[in-house]
PDB file of N, CA and C in Angstrom:
ATOM      1  N   UNK A   1       8.586  -0.315  -2.394  1.00  0.00           N
ATOM      2  CA  UNK A   1       9.630   0.483  -1.723  1.00  0.00           C
ATOM      3  C   UNK A   1      10.886   0.615  -2.671  1.00  0.00           C
ATOM      4  N   UNK A   2      11.544   1.739  -2.600  1.00  0.00           N
ATOM      5  CA  UNK A   2      12.677   1.911  -3.492  1.00  0.00           C
ATOM      6  C   UNK A   2      13.980   1.458  -2.959  1.00  0.00           C
ATOM      7  N   UNK A   3      15.003   1.809  -3.697  1.00  0.00           N
ATOM      8  CA  UNK A   3      16.273   1.358  -3.295  1.00  0.00           C
ATOM      9  C   UNK A   3      17.181   2.685  -2.826  1.00  0.00           C
ATOM     10  N   UNK A   4      18.074   2.498  -1.876  1.00  0.00           N
ATOM     11  CA  UNK A   4      19.047   3.473  -1.736  1.00  0.00           C
ATOM     12  C   UNK A   4      20.058   3.181  -2.861  1.00  0.00           C
ATOM     13  N   UNK A   5      20.581   4.185  -3.447  1.00  0.00           N
ATOM     14  CA  UNK A   5      21.598   4.001  -4.537  1.00  0.00           C
ATOM     15  C   UNK A   5      22.987   4.213  -4.029  1.00  0.00           C
ATOM     16  N   UNK A   6      23.995   3.274  -4.167  1.00  0.00           N
ATOM     17  CA  UNK A   6      25.308   3.361  -3.854  1.00  0.00           C
ATOM     18  C   UNK A   6      26.160   3.159  -5.053  1.00  0.00           C
ATOM     19  N   UNK A   7      27.114   4.004  -5.261  1.00  0.00           N
ATOM     20  CA  UNK A   7      28.166   3.809  -6.353  1.00  0.00           C
ATOM     21  C   UNK A   7      29.254   3.049  -5.895  1.00  0.00           C
ATOM     22  N   UNK A   8      29.651   2.035  -6.538  1.00  0.00           N
ATOM     23  CA  UNK A   8      30.797   1.238  -6.299  1.00  0.00           C
ATOM     24  C   UNK A   8      32.036   2.158  -6.241  1.00  0.00           C
ATOM     25  N   UNK A   9      33.022   1.896  -5.358  1.00  0.00           N
ATOM     26  CA  UNK A   9      34.163   2.565  -5.388  1.00  0.00           C
ATOM     27  C   UNK A   9      35.337   1.536  -5.266  1.00  0.00           C
ATOM     28  N   UNK A  10      36.494   1.817  -6.039  1.00  0.00           N
ATOM     29  CA  UNK A  10      37.452   0.851  -6.016  1.00  0.00           C
ATOM     30  C   UNK A  10      38.289   1.218  -4.681  1.00  0.00           C
ATOM     31  N   UNK A  11      39.234   0.387  -4.487  1.00  0.00           N
ATOM     32  CA  UNK A  11      39.966   0.548  -3.025  1.00  0.00           C
ATOM     33  C   UNK A  11      40.840   1.871  -3.221  1.00  0.00           C
ATOM     34  N   UNK A  12      41.092   2.309  -4.318  1.00  0.00           N
ATOM     35  CA  UNK A  12      41.850   3.712  -4.439  1.00  0.00           C
ATOM     36  C   UNK A  12      40.907   4.790  -4.446  1.00  0.00           C
ATOM     37  N   UNK A  13      39.564   4.572  -4.377  1.00  0.00           N
ATOM     38  CA  UNK A  13      38.539   5.704  -4.313  1.00  0.00           C
ATOM     39  C   UNK A  13      38.050   6.018  -5.589  1.00  0.00           C
ATOM     40  N   UNK A  14      38.338   5.425  -6.703  1.00  0.00           N
ATOM     41  CA  UNK A  14      37.829   5.781  -8.009  1.00  0.00           C
ATOM     42  C   UNK A  14      36.206   5.314  -8.004  1.00  0.00           C
ATOM     43  N   UNK A  15      35.387   6.145  -8.639  1.00  0.00           N
ATOM     44  CA  UNK A  15      33.936   5.798  -8.994  1.00  0.00           C
ATOM     45  C   UNK A  15      33.770   5.650 -10.314  1.00  0.00           C
ATOM     46  N   UNK A  16      34.042   4.301 -10.803  1.00  0.00           N
ATOM     47  CA  UNK A  16      33.877   4.101 -12.315  1.00  0.00           C
ATOM     48  C   UNK A  16      32.622   4.513 -12.926  1.00  0.00           C
ATOM     49  N   UNK A  17      31.412   4.280 -12.186  1.00  0.00           N
ATOM     50  CA  UNK A  17      30.138   4.471 -12.914  1.00  0.00           C
ATOM     51  C   UNK A  17      29.931   5.964 -13.148  1.00  0.00           C
ATOM     52  N   UNK A  18      30.242   6.734 -11.879  1.00  0.00           N
ATOM     53  CA  UNK A  18      30.112   8.107 -12.044  1.00  0.00           C
ATOM     54  C   UNK A  18      31.081   8.764 -13.232  1.00  0.00           C
ATOM     55  N   UNK A  19      32.269   8.177 -13.189  1.00  0.00           N
ATOM     56  CA  UNK A  19      33.165   8.781 -14.314  1.00  0.00           C
ATOM     57  C   UNK A  19      32.615   8.415 -15.667  1.00  0.00           C
ATOM     58  N   UNK A  20      32.030   7.349 -15.927  1.00  0.00           N
ATOM     59  CA  UNK A  20      31.436   6.896 -17.162  1.00  0.00           C
ATOM     60  C   UNK A  20      30.292   7.834 -17.501  1.00  0.00           C
ATOM     61  N   UNK A  21      29.557   8.101 -16.511  1.00  0.00           N
ATOM     62  CA  UNK A  21      28.363   8.948 -16.938  1.00  0.00           C
ATOM     63  C   UNK A  21      28.685  10.357 -17.107  1.00  0.00           C
ATOM     64  N   UNK A  22      29.683  10.885 -16.298  1.00  0.00           N
ATOM     65  CA  UNK A  22      30.007  12.254 -16.501  1.00  0.00           C
ATOM     66  C   UNK A  22      30.762  12.497 -17.898  1.00  0.00           C
ATOM     67  N   UNK A  23      31.275  11.426 -18.538  1.00  0.00           N
ATOM     68  CA  UNK A  23      31.894  11.403 -19.900  1.00  0.00           C
ATOM     69  C   UNK A  23      30.930  11.562 -21.004  1.00  0.00           C
ATOM     70  N   UNK A  24      29.653  11.450 -20.749  1.00  0.00           N
ATOM     71  CA  UNK A  24      28.680  11.339 -21.751  1.00  0.00           C
ATOM     72  C   UNK A  24      28.167  12.730 -22.163  1.00  0.00           C
ATOM     73  N   UNK A  25      27.524  12.852 -23.298  1.00  0.00           N
ATOM     74  CA  UNK A  25      26.727  14.027 -23.685  1.00  0.00           C
ATOM     75  C   UNK A  25      25.658  14.243 -22.659  1.00  0.00           C
ATOM     76  N   UNK A  26      25.229  15.574 -22.716  1.00  0.00           N
ATOM     77  CA  UNK A  26      24.290  16.051 -21.661  1.00  0.00           C
ATOM     78  C   UNK A  26      22.869  15.323 -21.824  1.00  0.00           C
ATOM     79  N   UNK A  27      22.367  15.062 -23.021  1.00  0.00           N
ATOM     80  CA  UNK A  27      21.101  14.273 -23.018  1.00  0.00           C
ATOM     81  C   UNK A  27      21.235  12.867 -22.620  1.00  0.00           C
ATOM     82  N   UNK A  28      22.455  12.140 -22.966  1.00  0.00           N
ATOM     83  CA  UNK A  28      22.569  10.803 -22.544  1.00  0.00           C
ATOM     84  C   UNK A  28      22.834  10.803 -21.039  1.00  0.00           C
ATOM     85  N   UNK A  29      23.587  11.820 -20.395  1.00  0.00           N
ATOM     86  CA  UNK A  29      23.787  11.816 -18.939  1.00  0.00           C
ATOM     87  C   UNK A  29      22.390  11.998 -18.244  1.00  0.00           C
ATOM     88  N   UNK A  30      21.581  12.933 -18.733  1.00  0.00           N
ATOM     89  CA  UNK A  30      20.192  13.087 -18.245  1.00  0.00           C
ATOM     90  C   UNK A  30      19.310  11.795 -18.194  1.00  0.00           C
ATOM     91  N   UNK A  31      19.376  11.202 -19.419  1.00  0.00           N
ATOM     92  CA  UNK A  31      18.650   9.966 -19.557  1.00  0.00           C
ATOM     93  C   UNK A  31      19.033   8.806 -18.456  1.00  0.00           C
ATOM     94  N   UNK A  32      20.238   8.684 -18.343  1.00  0.00           N
ATOM     95  CA  UNK A  32      20.771   7.556 -17.497  1.00  0.00           C
ATOM     96  C   UNK A  32      20.418   7.999 -16.026  1.00  0.00           C
ATOM     97  N   UNK A  33      20.724   9.298 -15.578  1.00  0.00           N
ATOM     98  CA  UNK A  33      20.222   9.745 -14.317  1.00  0.00           C
ATOM     99  C   UNK A  33      18.831   9.636 -14.086  1.00  0.00           C
ATOM    100  N   UNK A  34      17.924   9.911 -15.088  1.00  0.00           N
ATOM    101  CA  UNK A  34      16.610   9.750 -15.018  1.00  0.00           C
ATOM    102  C   UNK A  34      16.191   8.267 -14.664  1.00  0.00           C
ATOM    103  N   UNK A  35      16.800   7.265 -15.345  1.00  0.00           N
ATOM    104  CA  UNK A  35      16.544   5.871 -14.965  1.00  0.00           C
ATOM    105  C   UNK A  35      17.043   5.323 -13.718  1.00  0.00           C
ATOM    106  N   UNK A  36      18.206   5.951 -13.300  1.00  0.00           N
ATOM    107  CA  UNK A  36      18.675   5.619 -12.049  1.00  0.00           C
ATOM    108  C   UNK A  36      17.815   6.162 -10.919  1.00  0.00           C
ATOM    109  N   UNK A  37      17.126   7.422 -11.132  1.00  0.00           N
ATOM    110  CA  UNK A  37      16.046   7.748 -10.132  1.00  0.00           C
ATOM    111  C   UNK A  37      14.901   6.998 -10.152  1.00  0.00           C
ATOM    112  N   UNK A  38      14.577   6.500 -11.300  1.00  0.00           N
ATOM    113  CA  UNK A  38      13.374   5.446 -11.364  1.00  0.00           C
ATOM    114  C   UNK A  38      13.684   4.298 -10.477  1.00  0.00           C
ATOM    115  N   UNK A  39      14.995   3.782 -10.647  1.00  0.00           N
ATOM    116  CA  UNK A  39      15.428   2.568  -9.826  1.00  0.00           C
ATOM    117  C   UNK A  39      15.397   3.051  -8.313  1.00  0.00           C
ATOM    118  N   UNK A  40      15.833   4.106  -7.983  1.00  0.00           N
ATOM    119  CA  UNK A  40      15.797   4.501  -6.634  1.00  0.00           C
ATOM    120  C   UNK A  40      14.418   4.786  -6.102  1.00  0.00           C
ATOM    121  N   UNK A  41      13.447   5.116  -6.928  1.00  0.00           N
ATOM    122  CA  UNK A  41      12.094   5.361  -6.537  1.00  0.00           C
ATOM    123  C   UNK A  41      11.283   4.096  -6.439  1.00  0.00           C
ATOM    124  N   UNK A  42      11.481   3.152  -7.318  1.00  0.00           N
ATOM    125  CA  UNK A  42      10.472   1.984  -7.538  1.00  0.00           C
ATOM    126  C   UNK A  42      11.197   0.798  -6.834  1.00  0.00           C
ATOM    127  N   UNK A  43      12.579   0.757  -6.913  1.00  0.00           N
ATOM    128  CA  UNK A  43      13.154  -0.304  -6.297  1.00  0.00           C
ATOM    129  C   UNK A  43      12.857  -1.699  -7.019  1.00  0.00           C
ATOM    130  N   UNK A  44      12.578  -2.761  -6.533  1.00  0.00           N
ATOM    131  CA  UNK A  44      12.122  -4.073  -7.005  1.00  0.00           C
ATOM    132  C   UNK A  44      10.848  -3.964  -7.757  1.00  0.00           C
ATOM    133  N   UNK A  45      10.141  -2.905  -7.814  1.00  0.00           N
ATOM    134  CA  UNK A  45       9.021  -2.856  -8.570  1.00  0.00           C
ATOM    135  C   UNK A  45       9.093  -2.406  -9.912  1.00  0.00           C
ATOM    136  N   UNK A  46      10.385  -1.952 -10.237  1.00  0.00           N
ATOM    137  CA  UNK A  46      10.714  -1.646 -11.605  1.00  0.00           C
ATOM    138  C   UNK A  46      11.254  -2.900 -12.417  1.00  0.00           C
ATOM    139  N   UNK A  47      10.459  -3.112 -13.546  1.00  0.00           N
ATOM    140  CA  UNK A  47      10.648  -4.423 -14.145  1.00  0.00           C
ATOM    141  C   UNK A  47      11.154  -4.085 -15.789  1.00  0.00           C
ATOM    142  N   UNK A  48      11.352  -5.082 -16.460  1.00  0.00           N
ATOM    143  CA  UNK A  48      11.728  -5.029 -17.819  1.00  0.00           C
ATOM    144  C   UNK A  48      10.694  -4.114 -18.578  1.00  0.00           C
ATOM    145  N   UNK A  49      11.023  -3.266 -19.419  1.00  0.00           N
ATOM    146  CA  UNK A  49      12.412  -3.219 -20.027  1.00  0.00           C
ATOM    147  C   UNK A  49      13.401  -2.386 -19.407  1.00  0.00           C
ATOM    148  N   UNK A  50      13.073  -1.803 -18.196  1.00  0.00           N
ATOM    149  CA  UNK A  50      14.111  -0.895 -17.441  1.00  0.00           C
ATOM    150  C   UNK A  50      15.238  -1.796 -16.817  1.00  0.00           C
ATOM    151  N   UNK A  51      14.774  -2.779 -16.221  1.00  0.00           N
ATOM    152  CA  UNK A  51      15.836  -3.754 -15.636  1.00  0.00           C
ATOM    153  C   UNK A  51      15.695  -5.203 -16.113  1.00  0.00           C
ATOM    154  N   UNK A  52      16.804  -5.896 -15.943  1.00  0.00           N
ATOM    155  CA  UNK A  52      16.693  -7.325 -16.350  1.00  0.00           C
ATOM    156  C   UNK A  52      17.904  -7.983 -15.570  1.00  0.00           C
ATOM    157  N   UNK A  53      17.757  -9.266 -15.259  1.00  0.00           N
ATOM    158  CA  UNK A  53      18.684 -10.083 -14.669  1.00  0.00           C
ATOM    159  C   UNK A  53      19.730 -10.551 -15.614  1.00  0.00           C
ATOM    160  N   UNK A  54      21.053 -10.675 -15.278  1.00  0.00           N
ATOM    161  CA  UNK A  54      21.968 -11.201 -16.100  1.00  0.00           C
ATOM    162  C   UNK A  54      21.735 -12.718 -16.038  1.00  0.00           C
ATOM    163  N   UNK A  55      21.685 -13.380 -17.133  1.00  0.00           N
ATOM    164  CA  UNK A  55      21.449 -14.851 -17.105  1.00  0.00           C
ATOM    165  C   UNK A  55      22.846 -15.650 -16.898  1.00  0.00           C
ATOM    166  N   UNK A  56      22.620 -16.743 -16.265  1.00  0.00           N
ATOM    167  CA  UNK A  56      23.845 -17.677 -15.955  1.00  0.00           C
ATOM    168  C   UNK A  56      24.067 -17.802 -14.578  1.00  0.00           C
ATOM    169  N   UNK A  57      24.362 -18.917 -14.004  1.00  0.00           N
ATOM    170  CA  UNK A  57      24.589 -19.098 -12.673  1.00  0.00           C
ATOM    171  C   UNK A  57      25.836 -18.342 -12.217  1.00  0.00           C
ATOM    172  N   UNK A  58      26.774 -18.255 -12.992  1.00  0.00           N
ATOM    173  CA  UNK A  58      27.995 -17.475 -12.683  1.00  0.00           C
ATOM    174  C   UNK A  58      27.789 -16.073 -12.248  1.00  0.00           C
ATOM    175  N   UNK A  59      26.586 -15.320 -12.903  1.00  0.00           N
ATOM    176  CA  UNK A  59      26.383 -14.043 -12.697  1.00  0.00           C
ATOM    177  C   UNK A  59      25.168 -13.898 -11.709  1.00  0.00           C
ATOM    178  N   UNK A  60      24.852 -14.838 -10.769  1.00  0.00           N
ATOM    179  CA  UNK A  60      23.763 -14.812 -10.086  1.00  0.00           C
ATOM    180  C   UNK A  60      23.732 -13.544  -9.032  1.00  0.00           C
ATOM    181  N   UNK A  61      22.571 -12.824  -9.105  1.00  0.00           N
ATOM    182  CA  UNK A  61      22.429 -11.627  -8.321  1.00  0.00           C
ATOM    183  C   UNK A  61      22.881 -10.416  -9.179  1.00  0.00           C
ATOM    184  N   UNK A  62      23.455 -10.472 -10.283  1.00  0.00           N
ATOM    185  CA  UNK A  62      23.777  -9.341 -11.141  1.00  0.00           C
ATOM    186  C   UNK A  62      22.730  -8.931 -12.000  1.00  0.00           C
ATOM    187  N   UNK A  63      22.401  -7.668 -11.957  1.00  0.00           N
ATOM    188  CA  UNK A  63      21.266  -7.209 -12.807  1.00  0.00           C
ATOM    189  C   UNK A  63      21.798  -5.995 -13.712  1.00  0.00           C
ATOM    190  N   UNK A  64      20.998  -5.476 -14.612  1.00  0.00           N
ATOM    191  CA  UNK A  64      21.325  -4.421 -15.495  1.00  0.00           C
ATOM    192  C   UNK A  64      20.191  -3.396 -15.605  1.00  0.00           C
ATOM    193  N   UNK A  65      20.484  -2.124 -15.357  1.00  0.00           N
ATOM    194  CA  UNK A  65      19.537  -1.092 -15.728  1.00  0.00           C
ATOM    195  C   UNK A  65      19.744  -0.620 -17.170  1.00  0.00           C
ATOM    196  N   UNK A  66      18.706  -0.836 -17.908  1.00  0.00           N
ATOM    197  CA  UNK A  66      18.676  -0.651 -19.376  1.00  0.00           C
ATOM    198  C   UNK A  66      18.169   0.779 -19.666  1.00  0.00           C
ATOM    199  N   UNK A  67      19.123   1.523 -20.347  1.00  0.00           N
ATOM    200  CA  UNK A  67      18.806   2.857 -20.765  1.00  0.00           C
ATOM    201  C   UNK A  67      18.995   2.989 -22.164  1.00  0.00           C
ATOM    202  N   UNK A  68      18.016   3.594 -22.863  1.00  0.00           N
ATOM    203  CA  UNK A  68      18.014   3.952 -24.220  1.00  0.00           C
ATOM    204  C   UNK A  68      17.761   5.489 -24.418  1.00  0.00           C
ATOM    205  N   UNK A  69      18.673   6.109 -25.210  1.00  0.00           N
ATOM    206  CA  UNK A  69      18.570   7.487 -25.577  1.00  0.00           C
ATOM    207  C   UNK A  69      18.831   7.663 -26.895  1.00  0.00           C
ATOM    208  N   UNK A  70      17.787   8.000 -27.665  1.00  0.00           N
ATOM    209  CA  UNK A  70      17.837   7.995 -29.110  1.00  0.00           C
ATOM    210  C   UNK A  70      18.278   6.805 -29.737  1.00  0.00           C
ATOM    211  N   UNK A  71      19.473   6.652 -30.510  1.00  0.00           N
ATOM    212  CA  UNK A  71      19.972   5.501 -30.933  1.00  0.00           C
ATOM    213  C   UNK A  71      21.144   4.802 -30.054  1.00  0.00           C
ATOM    214  N   UNK A  72      21.227   5.338 -28.935  1.00  0.00           N
ATOM    215  CA  UNK A  72      22.229   4.901 -27.895  1.00  0.00           C
ATOM    216  C   UNK A  72      21.624   4.126 -26.820  1.00  0.00           C
ATOM    217  N   UNK A  73      22.443   2.960 -26.680  1.00  0.00           N
ATOM    218  CA  UNK A  73      21.994   1.997 -25.682  1.00  0.00           C
ATOM    219  C   UNK A  73      22.894   1.838 -24.454  1.00  0.00           C
ATOM    220  N   UNK A  74      22.493   2.018 -23.223  1.00  0.00           N
ATOM    221  CA  UNK A  74      23.613   1.882 -22.160  1.00  0.00           C
ATOM    222  C   UNK A  74      23.176   0.874 -21.138  1.00  0.00           C
ATOM    223  N   UNK A  75      24.132   0.307 -20.520  1.00  0.00           N
ATOM    224  CA  UNK A  75      23.666  -0.552 -19.436  1.00  0.00           C
ATOM    225  C   UNK A  75      24.468  -0.234 -18.244  1.00  0.00           C
ATOM    226  N   UNK A  76      23.848  -0.208 -16.972  1.00  0.00           N
ATOM    227  CA  UNK A  76      24.527   0.065 -15.865  1.00  0.00           C
ATOM    228  C   UNK A  76      24.265  -1.238 -14.975  1.00  0.00           C
ATOM    229  N   UNK A  77      25.216  -1.932 -14.647  1.00  0.00           N
ATOM    230  CA  UNK A  77      25.228  -3.167 -13.913  1.00  0.00           C
ATOM    231  C   UNK A  77      25.285  -2.965 -12.400  1.00  0.00           C
ATOM    232  N   UNK A  78      24.393  -3.740 -11.765  1.00  0.00           N
ATOM    233  CA  UNK A  78      24.292  -3.391 -10.280  1.00  0.00           C
ATOM    234  C   UNK A  78      23.766  -4.840  -9.641  1.00  0.00           C
ATOM    235  N   UNK A  79      23.802  -4.828  -8.269  1.00  0.00           N
ATOM    236  CA  UNK A  79      23.256  -5.899  -7.485  1.00  0.00           C
ATOM    237  C   UNK A  79      22.545  -5.209  -6.218  1.00  0.00           C
ATOM    238  N   UNK A  80      21.748  -5.817  -5.619  1.00  0.00           N
ATOM    239  CA  UNK A  80      21.002  -5.470  -4.458  1.00  0.00           C
ATOM    240  C   UNK A  80      21.447  -6.002  -3.223  1.00  0.00           C
ATOM    241  N   UNK A  81      21.584  -5.231  -2.193  1.00  0.00           N
ATOM    242  CA  UNK A  81      22.006  -5.609  -0.848  1.00  0.00           C
ATOM    243  C   UNK A  81      20.893  -5.287   0.079  1.00  0.00           C
ATOM    244  N   UNK A  82      20.636  -6.207   0.990  1.00  0.00           N
ATOM    245  CA  UNK A  82      19.717  -5.907   1.992  1.00  0.00           C
ATOM    246  C   UNK A  82      20.387  -4.989   3.066  1.00  0.00           C
ATOM    247  N   UNK A  83      19.906  -3.822   3.289  1.00  0.00           N
ATOM    248  CA  UNK A  83      20.602  -2.991   4.161  1.00  0.00           C
ATOM    249  C   UNK A  83      20.091  -3.087   5.559  1.00  0.00           C
ATOM    250  N   UNK A  84      18.903  -3.133   5.742  1.00  0.00           N
ATOM    251  CA  UNK A  84      18.305  -3.599   7.094  1.00  0.00           C
ATOM    252  C   UNK A  84      17.119  -4.357   7.013  1.00  0.00           C
ATOM    253  N   UNK A  85      17.311  -5.621   7.529  1.00  0.00           N
ATOM    254  CA  UNK A  85      16.122  -6.544   7.441  1.00  0.00           C
ATOM    255  C   UNK A  85      15.040  -6.128   8.266  1.00  0.00           C
ATOM    256  N   UNK A  86      15.256  -5.475   9.345  1.00  0.00           N
ATOM    257  CA  UNK A  86      14.041  -5.150  10.254  1.00  0.00           C
ATOM    258  C   UNK A  86      13.233  -4.120   9.583  1.00  0.00           C
ATOM    259  N   UNK A  87      13.840  -3.218   8.711  1.00  0.00           N
ATOM    260  CA  UNK A  87      13.226  -2.200   7.988  1.00  0.00           C
ATOM    261  C   UNK A  87      12.727  -2.543   6.759  1.00  0.00           C
ATOM    262  N   UNK A  88      13.239  -3.717   6.213  1.00  0.00           N
ATOM    263  CA  UNK A  88      13.116  -4.296   4.877  1.00  0.00           C
ATOM    264  C   UNK A  88      13.710  -3.230   3.865  1.00  0.00           C
ATOM    265  N   UNK A  89      14.733  -2.628   4.205  1.00  0.00           N
ATOM    266  CA  UNK A  89      15.379  -1.666   3.321  1.00  0.00           C
ATOM    267  C   UNK A  89      16.526  -2.292   2.484  1.00  0.00           C
ATOM    268  N   UNK A  90      16.702  -1.876   1.312  1.00  0.00           N
ATOM    269  CA  UNK A  90      17.707  -2.413   0.326  1.00  0.00           C
ATOM    270  C   UNK A  90      18.361  -1.285  -0.382  1.00  0.00           C
ATOM    271  N   UNK A  91      19.621  -1.673  -0.838  1.00  0.00           N
ATOM    272  CA  UNK A  91      20.233  -0.758  -1.806  1.00  0.00           C
ATOM    273  C   UNK A  91      20.680  -1.288  -2.916  1.00  0.00           C
ATOM    274  N   UNK A  92      20.806  -0.623  -4.025  1.00  0.00           N
ATOM    275  CA  UNK A  92      21.367  -1.196  -5.301  1.00  0.00           C
ATOM    276  C   UNK A  92      22.758  -0.415  -5.355  1.00  0.00           C
ATOM    277  N   UNK A  93      23.704  -1.351  -5.645  1.00  0.00           N
ATOM    278  CA  UNK A  93      25.153  -0.968  -5.659  1.00  0.00           C
ATOM    279  C   UNK A  93      25.580  -0.873  -7.253  1.00  0.00           C
ATOM    280  N   UNK A  94      25.800   0.288  -7.743  1.00  0.00           N
ATOM    281  CA  UNK A  94      26.072   0.383  -9.214  1.00  0.00           C
ATOM    282  C   UNK A  94      27.555   0.070  -9.479  1.00  0.00           C
ATOM    283  N   UNK A  95      27.778  -0.904 -10.205  1.00  0.00           N
ATOM    284  CA  UNK A  95      29.001  -1.340 -10.343  1.00  0.00           C
ATOM    285  C   UNK A  95      29.848  -0.963 -11.584  1.00  0.00           C
ATOM    286  N   UNK A  96      29.226  -0.980 -12.613  1.00  0.00           N
ATOM    287  CA  UNK A  96      29.927  -0.701 -14.018  1.00  0.00           C
ATOM    288  C   UNK A  96      28.812  -0.325 -15.026  1.00  0.00           C
ATOM    289  N   UNK A  97      29.201   0.574 -15.884  1.00  0.00           N
ATOM    290  CA  UNK A  97      28.249   1.157 -16.994  1.00  0.00           C
ATOM    291  C   UNK A  97      29.051   1.122 -18.188  1.00  0.00           C
ATOM    292  N   UNK A  98      28.350   0.865 -19.214  1.00  0.00           N
ATOM    293  CA  UNK A  98      28.874   0.722 -20.628  1.00  0.00           C
ATOM    294  C   UNK A  98      27.924   1.329 -21.691  1.00  0.00           C
ATOM    295  N   UNK A  99      28.363   1.798 -22.803  1.00  0.00           N
ATOM    296  CA  UNK A  99      27.640   1.963 -23.882  1.00  0.00           C
ATOM    297  C   UNK A  99      27.560   0.693 -24.748  1.00  0.00           C
ATOM    298  N   UNK A 100      26.326   0.167 -24.951  1.00  0.00           N
ATOM    299  CA  UNK A 100      26.252  -1.126 -25.667  1.00  0.00           C
ATOM    300  C   UNK A 100      26.201  -0.847 -27.181  1.00  0.00           C
ATOM    301  N   UNK A 101      27.135  -1.560 -27.843  1.00  0.00           N
ATOM    302  CA  UNK A 101      27.310  -1.438 -29.359  1.00  0.00           C
ATOM    303  C   UNK A 101      26.999  -2.815 -30.052  1.00  0.00           C
ATOM    304  N   UNK A 102      26.761  -3.785 -29.377  1.00  0.00           N
ATOM    305  CA  UNK A 102      26.539  -5.028 -30.025  1.00  0.00           C
ATOM    306  C   UNK A 102      25.170  -5.546 -29.428  1.00  0.00           C
ATOM    307  N   UNK A 103      24.603  -6.612 -30.195  1.00  0.00           N
ATOM    308  CA  UNK A 103      23.285  -7.184 -29.572  1.00  0.00           C
ATOM    309  C   UNK A 103      23.664  -7.859 -28.393  1.00  0.00           C
ATOM    310  N   UNK A 104      24.736  -8.504 -28.227  1.00  0.00           N
ATOM    311  CA  UNK A 104      25.072  -9.169 -26.964  1.00  0.00           C
ATOM    312  C   UNK A 104      25.992  -8.497 -26.226  1.00  0.00           C
ATOM    313  N   UNK A 105      25.715  -8.459 -24.866  1.00  0.00           N
ATOM    314  CA  UNK A 105      26.668  -7.806 -23.996  1.00  0.00           C
ATOM    315  C   UNK A 105      28.022  -8.495 -23.912  1.00  0.00           C
ATOM    316  N   UNK A 106      29.054  -7.736 -24.166  1.00  0.00           N
ATOM    317  CA  UNK A 106      30.294  -8.487 -24.263  1.00  0.00           C
ATOM    318  C   UNK A 106      30.724  -8.944 -22.883  1.00  0.00           C
ATOM    319  N   UNK A 107      31.250 -10.335 -22.915  1.00  0.00           N
ATOM    320  CA  UNK A 107      31.698 -10.953 -21.690  1.00  0.00           C
ATOM    321  C   UNK A 107      32.481 -10.206 -20.759  1.00  0.00           C
ATOM    322  N   UNK A 108      33.498  -9.539 -21.448  1.00  0.00           N
ATOM    323  CA  UNK A 108      34.476  -8.789 -20.735  1.00  0.00           C
ATOM    324  C   UNK A 108      33.906  -7.684 -19.812  1.00  0.00           C
ATOM    325  N   UNK A 109      32.752  -7.188 -20.199  1.00  0.00           N
ATOM    326  CA  UNK A 109      31.985  -6.129 -19.423  1.00  0.00           C
ATOM    327  C   UNK A 109      31.319  -6.865 -18.222  1.00  0.00           C
ATOM    328  N   UNK A 110      30.831  -7.969 -18.571  1.00  0.00           N
ATOM    329  CA  UNK A 110      30.124  -8.664 -17.294  1.00  0.00           C
ATOM    330  C   UNK A 110      31.106  -9.191 -16.482  1.00  0.00           C
ATOM    331  N   UNK A 111      32.368  -9.563 -16.910  1.00  0.00           N
ATOM    332  CA  UNK A 111      33.401 -10.123 -15.994  1.00  0.00           C
ATOM    333  C   UNK A 111      33.860  -8.791 -15.062  1.00  0.00           C
ATOM    334  N   UNK A 112      33.761  -7.676 -15.577  1.00  0.00           N
ATOM    335  CA  UNK A 112      34.154  -6.554 -14.828  1.00  0.00           C
ATOM    336  C   UNK A 112      33.221  -6.300 -13.720  1.00  0.00           C
ATOM    337  N   UNK A 113      31.976  -6.277 -14.201  1.00  0.00           N
ATOM    338  CA  UNK A 113      30.796  -6.103 -13.189  1.00  0.00           C
ATOM    339  C   UNK A 113      30.987  -7.254 -12.030  1.00  0.00           C
ATOM    340  N   UNK A 114      31.210  -8.402 -12.468  1.00  0.00           N
ATOM    341  CA  UNK A 114      31.197  -9.472 -11.491  1.00  0.00           C
ATOM    342  C   UNK A 114      32.340  -9.220 -10.502  1.00  0.00           C
ATOM    343  N   UNK A 115      33.539  -9.063 -11.090  1.00  0.00           N
ATOM    344  CA  UNK A 115      34.722  -8.746 -10.303  1.00  0.00           C
ATOM    345  C   UNK A 115      34.436  -7.579  -9.280  1.00  0.00           C
ATOM    346  N   UNK A 116      33.883  -6.594  -9.603  1.00  0.00           N
ATOM    347  CA  UNK A 116      33.454  -5.414  -8.774  1.00  0.00           C
ATOM    348  C   UNK A 116      32.505  -5.808  -7.564  1.00  0.00           C
ATOM    349  N   UNK A 117      31.480  -6.712  -7.928  1.00  0.00           N
ATOM    350  CA  UNK A 117      30.579  -7.205  -7.155  1.00  0.00           C
ATOM    351  C   UNK A 117      31.319  -8.080  -5.974  1.00  0.00           C
ATOM    352  N   UNK A 118      32.144  -8.876  -6.418  1.00  0.00           N
ATOM    353  CA  UNK A 118      32.923  -9.797  -5.569  1.00  0.00           C
ATOM    354  C   UNK A 118      33.825  -8.861  -4.593  1.00  0.00           C
ATOM    355  N   UNK A 119      34.468  -7.928  -5.166  1.00  0.00           N
ATOM    356  CA  UNK A 119      35.296  -6.929  -4.377  1.00  0.00           C
ATOM    357  C   UNK A 119      34.559  -6.252  -3.399  1.00  0.00           C
ATOM    358  N   UNK A 120      33.374  -5.758  -3.812  1.00  0.00           N
ATOM    359  CA  UNK A 120      32.548  -5.018  -2.781  1.00  0.00           C
ATOM    360  C   UNK A 120      32.146  -5.798  -1.672  1.00  0.00           C
ATOM    361  N   UNK A 121      31.643  -7.153  -1.870  1.00  0.00           N
ATOM    362  CA  UNK A 121      31.258  -7.933  -0.929  1.00  0.00           C
ATOM    363  C   UNK A 121      32.461  -8.413  -0.011  1.00  0.00           C
ATOM    364  N   UNK A 122      33.655  -8.483  -0.637  1.00  0.00           N
ATOM    365  CA  UNK A 122      34.761  -8.996   0.275  1.00  0.00           C
ATOM    366  C   UNK A 122      35.183  -7.855   1.154  1.00  0.00           C
ATOM    367  N   UNK A 123      34.929  -6.662   0.817  1.00  0.00           N
ATOM    368  CA  UNK A 123      35.317  -5.406   1.691  1.00  0.00           C
ATOM    369  C   UNK A 123      34.313  -5.138   2.705  1.00  0.00           C
ATOM    370  N   UNK A 124      33.124  -5.799   2.654  1.00  0.00           N
ATOM    371  CA  UNK A 124      31.979  -5.668   3.502  1.00  0.00           C
ATOM    372  C   UNK A 124      31.389  -4.449   3.302  1.00  0.00           C
TER     373      UNK A 124
END
């Protein structure tokens, strides 16, 4: 069963993931949207190398959608929310997206995703 996809919005209404994606070149944009569609279609059945858990207790529940287009590597951080237990439906909330330029994901980027996840949960 797939996921409903929801884009995180700040309290002021900004949509940082959509803003990031729209800033990309056409082929990069298309590839990220293609991978998001896979996430939407396959949900928890989509595995590595497309998705991976962020390691560490601090980041529990935080995941990354891993996109590669030519020599460009992108990460879209998200977490999964149970939308309706009776129907076993879930949604993936897309929190933060980056172009990865180093082997290790910068801690600053993980902290941004974590802060957005906490903000989302606090606003219900």
